[in-house]
């Protein structure tokens, strides 16, 4: 019947892939929780549809034909993806109907801007719970997250995406040490180094028409969120993304040195993956995040 109407026999394909993995019709029937005769019928339907034998008898054993091996290798992974996605997007009996997982590769962005404002989003959305995870690894379709916030990673699965922020970098220092001073202060005060963003300082120096010989190199830190307390309490400077210090600047904990702002060429983006358990909430979160980033931007400093 499948061949007659030219409909792809998906159940028969699933049965055959299971046969190929388990090595026998009997074990496939056990895995699929059905009868051996039912699996054999599915096999016959698929062979009729394809017009080729998928299994051949060799004495008492059954083995895949060359065509059968080719077909099994070709369809197994896409079938796994379909089944996995269907389970992830299942709406029935969901235990976390009001929860999303946000994954990000931007640890300081999450620490300084995202997490302190999550309660606002939760209140706007009637108590949505937002879990936050941090990873620098490229995401895969089997990772458990609804939204990815990133600057340098890409999503290979279907997803809607939003432009959050075209990164601007600035040089900041404690008000006691830099208030009223010009960019020339960098020649007398050390600039901290951040290992997680080795690109920022060279980019900034080029934009300022400076070289590493024009500055004093300071202490090294793994992340910006570790360097921030040092620059707020010490006699040193830090070059970093403006968006992650905007609240500290507004609150008077840090000052931006005039004339030190420049684009880095990097862009922050948010991706709401199609397989999300809560796609409507995920997309609402991304729209909210766009507004939050716009609100965080500082006015131009001469």
Protein backbone atom coordinates (compact mmCIF):
# COMPACT_ATOMS: atom_id res chain seq x y z
CA UNK A 1 0.00 0.00 0.00
CA UNK A 2 2.88 2.35 0.82
CA UNK A 3 4.48 1.79 -2.56
CA UNK A 4 1.14 2.09 -4.31
CA UNK A 5 0.49 5.58 -2.93
CA UNK A 6 4.18 6.57 -2.96
CA UNK A 7 4.02 7.58 0.73
CA UNK A 8 7.31 7.13 2.57
CA UNK A 9 6.77 4.29 5.08
CA UNK A 10 8.32 5.95 8.14
CA UNK A 11 7.30 3.22 10.59
CA UNK A 12 8.86 0.63 8.30
CA UNK A 13 12.10 2.67 8.13
CA UNK A 14 12.21 2.84 11.93
CA UNK A 15 11.69 -0.91 12.15
CA UNK A 16 14.47 -1.58 9.61
CA UNK A 17 16.95 0.74 11.36
CA UNK A 18 16.26 -1.14 14.59
CA UNK A 19 16.85 -4.47 12.81
CA UNK A 20 20.16 -3.16 11.48
CA UNK A 21 21.26 -2.01 14.95
CA UNK A 22 20.11 -5.11 16.82
CA UNK A 23 21.26 -7.59 14.22
CA UNK A 24 18.03 -9.57 14.05
CA UNK A 25 14.29 -9.28 13.56
CA UNK A 26 13.67 -10.96 16.91
CA UNK A 27 15.74 -8.49 18.94
CA UNK A 28 14.29 -5.57 16.96
CA UNK A 29 10.79 -6.72 17.87
CA UNK A 30 11.79 -6.80 21.54
CA UNK A 31 13.23 -3.27 21.40
CA UNK A 32 10.17 -1.94 19.59
CA UNK A 33 7.83 -3.85 21.95
CA UNK A 34 5.96 -5.53 19.13
CA UNK A 35 5.79 -8.96 17.52
CA UNK A 36 8.33 -10.53 15.23
CA UNK A 37 5.70 -10.93 12.52
CA UNK A 38 4.88 -7.22 12.71
CA UNK A 39 8.54 -6.27 12.23
CA UNK A 40 8.79 -8.73 9.31
CA UNK A 41 5.77 -7.10 7.67
CA UNK A 42 7.36 -3.67 8.04
CA UNK A 43 10.53 -5.02 6.44
CA UNK A 44 8.54 -6.38 3.51
CA UNK A 45 6.74 -3.06 3.06
CA UNK A 46 10.03 -1.13 2.98
CA UNK A 47 11.68 -3.55 0.54
CA UNK A 48 8.64 -3.27 -1.71
CA UNK A 49 8.80 0.53 -1.51
CA UNK A 50 12.53 0.67 -2.29
CA UNK A 51 12.43 -2.09 -4.87
CA UNK A 52 15.49 -3.78 -3.41
CA UNK A 53 16.33 -6.41 -0.82
CA UNK A 54 17.62 -5.05 2.48
CA UNK A 55 18.35 -8.38 4.19
CA UNK A 56 19.58 -11.66 2.79
CA UNK A 57 19.62 -15.15 4.30
CA UNK A 58 22.96 -16.89 4.74
CA UNK A 59 22.22 -20.32 6.15
CA UNK A 60 20.52 -19.75 9.45
CA UNK A 61 21.73 -16.17 9.68
CA UNK A 62 20.35 -12.97 8.20
CA UNK A 63 22.67 -10.18 7.09
CA UNK A 64 22.22 -6.75 5.55
CA UNK A 65 22.72 -6.56 1.82
CA UNK A 66 25.13 -3.95 0.47
CA UNK A 67 22.12 -1.77 -0.35
CA UNK A 68 20.71 -2.42 3.13
CA UNK A 69 23.93 -1.24 4.80
CA UNK A 70 24.00 1.87 2.65
CA UNK A 71 20.37 2.71 3.43
CA UNK A 72 20.76 2.04 7.18
CA UNK A 73 23.90 4.23 7.41
CA UNK A 74 22.19 7.03 5.51
CA UNK A 75 18.91 7.23 7.44
CA UNK A 76 19.94 6.26 11.00
CA UNK A 77 21.28 9.64 12.14
CA UNK A 78 18.47 11.77 10.63
CA UNK A 79 15.91 9.40 12.17
CA UNK A 80 17.58 9.79 15.59
CA UNK A 81 17.43 13.57 15.20
CA UNK A 82 13.72 13.48 14.32
CA UNK A 83 12.90 11.23 17.30
CA UNK A 84 15.01 13.29 19.70
CA UNK A 85 13.46 16.57 18.52
CA UNK A 86 9.93 15.18 18.77
CA UNK A 87 10.56 14.11 22.37
CA UNK A 88 12.10 17.48 23.26
CA UNK A 89 9.21 19.42 21.75
CA UNK A 90 6.52 17.23 23.27
CA UNK A 91 3.91 19.33 25.02
CA UNK A 92 2.01 16.60 26.91
CA UNK A 93 2.77 16.08 30.59
CA UNK A 94 5.64 18.58 30.70
CA UNK A 95 6.96 18.99 34.27
CA UNK A 96 8.66 22.36 33.50
CA UNK A 97 5.96 24.25 31.62
CA UNK A 98 7.14 27.57 33.11
CA UNK A 99 10.92 27.18 32.95
CA UNK A 100 13.64 27.89 30.40
CA UNK A 101 17.38 27.18 30.25
CA UNK A 102 19.68 29.97 29.04
CA UNK A 103 23.15 28.91 27.98
CA UNK A 104 25.86 31.51 27.40
CA UNK A 105 29.54 31.71 26.54
CA UNK A 106 29.66 35.24 28.03
CA UNK A 107 30.32 34.71 31.74
CA UNK A 108 30.91 38.35 32.73
CA UNK A 109 27.93 39.52 30.67
CA UNK A 110 25.79 36.99 32.54
CA UNK A 111 27.26 37.98 35.92
CA UNK A 112 27.05 41.74 35.52
CA UNK A 113 23.98 42.38 33.36
CA UNK A 114 21.86 39.31 32.68
CA UNK A 115 21.46 37.65 36.09
CA UNK A 116 20.87 40.86 38.12
CA UNK A 117 17.90 41.65 35.85
CA UNK A 118 16.31 38.19 35.58
CA UNK A 119 13.80 38.90 38.34
CA UNK A 120 12.35 41.68 36.19
CA UNK A 121 11.75 39.27 33.31
CA UNK A 122 10.33 36.64 35.65
CA UNK A 123 7.87 39.15 37.11
CA UNK A 124 6.80 40.33 33.65
CA UNK A 125 6.15 36.72 32.57
CA UNK A 126 4.21 35.59 35.61
CA UNK A 127 6.96 33.83 37.53
CA UNK A 128 8.97 32.12 34.79
CA UNK A 129 12.07 30.36 36.17
CA UNK A 130 15.27 31.02 34.20
CA UNK A 131 18.17 28.60 34.65
CA UNK A 132 21.57 29.92 33.48
CA UNK A 133 24.49 27.75 32.40
CA UNK A 134 27.90 28.81 31.11
CA UNK A 135 29.97 26.96 28.51
CA UNK A 136 32.60 27.85 25.93
CA UNK A 137 32.02 24.61 24.02
CA UNK A 138 30.17 24.68 20.68
CA UNK A 139 26.54 23.64 21.30
CA UNK A 140 25.09 20.44 19.85
CA UNK A 141 21.50 19.47 19.09
CA UNK A 142 21.50 17.11 22.08
CA UNK A 143 22.45 19.81 24.63
CA UNK A 144 19.69 20.83 27.01
CA UNK A 145 19.02 24.54 26.53
CA UNK A 146 16.32 26.81 25.11
CA UNK A 147 18.40 29.92 24.40
CA UNK A 148 22.04 30.50 23.53
CA UNK A 149 23.64 33.91 24.19
CA UNK A 150 27.01 34.16 22.51
CA UNK A 151 29.60 36.30 20.80
CA UNK A 152 31.71 33.67 19.09
CA UNK A 153 29.74 30.40 18.89
CA UNK A 154 27.30 29.34 16.18
CA UNK A 155 24.12 27.28 16.24
CA UNK A 156 23.88 24.58 13.58
CA UNK A 157 20.27 23.61 14.32
CA UNK A 158 17.10 25.55 13.38
CA UNK A 159 16.72 28.64 15.57
CA UNK A 160 15.44 32.21 15.56
CA UNK A 161 18.13 34.76 16.33
CA UNK A 162 18.33 38.33 17.62
CA UNK A 163 21.12 40.91 17.43
CA UNK A 164 21.75 42.06 20.99
CA UNK A 165 24.78 44.32 20.96
CA UNK A 166 27.58 45.49 18.69
CA UNK A 167 30.41 45.42 21.18
CA UNK A 168 32.05 48.67 22.20
CA UNK A 169 35.14 48.59 24.42
CA UNK A 170 36.22 51.29 26.86
CA UNK A 171 39.03 51.93 29.31
CA UNK A 172 37.87 52.37 32.91
CA UNK A 173 39.38 53.12 36.29
CA UNK A 174 38.39 53.98 39.84
CA UNK A 175 37.10 57.60 40.12
CA UNK A 176 39.75 58.48 42.74
CA UNK A 177 42.48 57.73 40.22
CA UNK A 178 41.07 58.80 36.84
CA UNK A 179 38.48 61.51 37.53
CA UNK A 180 39.18 64.53 35.32
CA UNK A 181 42.09 62.85 33.54
CA UNK A 182 42.54 62.31 29.80
CA UNK A 183 43.60 59.28 27.81
CA UNK A 184 47.23 60.08 28.62
CA UNK A 185 46.68 58.45 32.02
CA UNK A 186 47.36 55.07 30.39
CA UNK A 187 51.07 55.95 30.24
CA UNK A 188 51.33 56.13 34.02
CA UNK A 189 48.82 53.53 35.28
CA UNK A 190 49.03 49.78 34.52
CA UNK A 191 46.33 48.16 32.41
CA UNK A 192 45.13 44.75 33.61
CA UNK A 193 45.26 41.77 31.23
CA UNK A 194 42.30 39.36 30.87
CA UNK A 195 43.15 35.92 29.48
CA UNK A 196 39.60 35.06 28.36
CA UNK A 197 39.60 38.07 25.98
CA UNK A 198 43.15 38.34 24.61
CA UNK A 199 41.75 40.13 21.56
CA UNK A 200 40.42 43.21 23.33
CA UNK A 201 43.57 45.03 24.37
CA UNK A 202 45.37 44.73 20.97
CA UNK A 203 42.15 45.81 19.20
CA UNK A 204 41.78 48.79 21.50
CA UNK A 205 45.43 49.83 21.15
CA UNK A 206 45.20 49.81 17.36
CA UNK A 207 42.04 51.93 17.48
CA UNK A 208 43.77 54.40 19.83
CA UNK A 209 46.84 54.51 17.52
CA UNK A 210 48.99 53.03 20.27
CA UNK A 211 51.29 50.04 20.71
CA UNK A 212 52.04 47.81 23.69
CA UNK A 213 55.18 49.89 24.24
CA UNK A 214 52.97 52.91 25.02
CA UNK A 215 51.30 51.33 28.07
CA UNK A 216 52.24 49.72 31.38
CA UNK A 217 51.15 46.08 31.55
CA UNK A 218 49.44 45.14 34.80
CA UNK A 219 48.32 41.97 36.58
CA UNK A 220 46.70 39.06 34.72
CA UNK A 221 43.22 37.67 35.41
CA UNK A 222 41.34 34.78 33.82
CA UNK A 223 38.03 36.65 33.39
CA UNK A 224 36.70 40.20 33.41
CA UNK A 225 34.47 39.46 36.40
CA UNK A 226 37.64 38.69 38.41
CA UNK A 227 39.42 41.81 37.17
CA UNK A 228 36.54 44.18 37.97
CA UNK A 229 37.04 44.22 41.76
CA UNK A 230 40.75 44.86 41.18
CA UNK A 231 40.17 47.93 39.04
CA UNK A 232 37.46 49.26 41.38
CA UNK A 233 39.76 49.09 44.41
CA UNK A 234 43.25 49.47 42.94
CA UNK A 235 45.32 52.00 41.06
CA UNK A 236 45.01 50.37 37.66
CA UNK A 237 42.98 50.44 34.46
CA UNK A 238 40.93 47.89 32.55
CA UNK A 239 39.87 47.74 28.90
CA UNK A 240 36.66 45.74 28.49
CA UNK A 241 33.19 45.73 26.88
CA UNK A 242 31.25 48.82 27.85
CA UNK A 243 28.01 46.93 28.38
CA UNK A 244 29.34 44.93 31.32
CA UNK A 245 30.41 48.03 33.26
CA UNK A 246 27.50 50.34 32.39
CA UNK A 247 25.77 49.88 35.78
CA UNK A 248 29.07 50.36 37.64
CA UNK A 249 29.72 53.59 35.71
CA UNK A 250 26.20 54.89 36.37
CA UNK A 251 26.58 54.01 40.04
CA UNK A 252 29.89 55.88 40.32
CA UNK A 253 32.06 52.83 41.05
CA UNK A 254 34.03 53.30 37.81
CA UNK A 255 34.75 56.11 35.38
CA UNK A 256 35.17 55.75 31.63
CA UNK A 257 38.23 57.61 30.40
CA UNK A 258 37.07 60.15 27.78
CA UNK A 259 37.96 59.26 24.20
CA UNK A 260 38.56 55.60 25.01
CA UNK A 261 35.48 54.06 23.37
CA UNK A 262 35.89 52.03 20.17
CA UNK A 263 34.06 49.15 18.46
CA UNK A 264 35.67 45.72 18.79
CA UNK A 265 34.01 44.25 15.71
CA UNK A 266 32.27 41.57 17.80
CA UNK A 267 28.52 41.10 18.01
CA UNK A 268 26.42 39.50 20.75
CA UNK A 269 23.51 37.39 19.53
CA UNK A 270 20.75 35.34 21.13
CA UNK A 271 19.37 32.14 19.58
CA UNK A 272 16.05 30.53 20.53
CA UNK A 273 16.26 26.95 19.28
CA UNK A 274 13.23 25.44 17.57
CA UNK A 275 13.30 22.34 19.77
CA UNK A 276 12.74 24.40 22.92
CA UNK A 277 10.14 23.02 25.33
CA UNK A 278 8.85 26.58 25.74
CA UNK A 279 9.35 28.37 22.41
CA UNK A 280 6.97 31.26 23.19
CA UNK A 281 8.72 32.05 26.48
CA UNK A 282 12.14 31.64 24.86
CA UNK A 283 11.31 34.15 22.14
CA UNK A 284 9.82 36.57 24.67
CA UNK A 285 13.06 36.31 26.65
CA UNK A 286 15.16 37.19 23.59
CA UNK A 287 12.99 40.23 22.85
CA UNK A 288 13.31 41.32 26.47
CA UNK A 289 17.09 40.86 26.29
CA UNK A 290 17.30 43.15 23.24
CA UNK A 291 15.54 45.87 25.25
CA UNK A 292 17.80 45.28 28.24
CA UNK A 293 20.95 45.68 26.14
CA UNK A 294 19.68 48.89 24.58
CA UNK A 295 18.85 50.26 28.02
CA UNK A 296 22.33 49.38 29.30
CA UNK A 297 24.17 51.42 26.65
CA UNK A 298 25.98 54.47 28.02
CA UNK A 299 25.75 57.93 26.42
CA UNK A 300 28.67 59.04 24.29
CA UNK A 301 31.65 60.30 26.27
CA UNK A 302 33.81 62.84 24.52
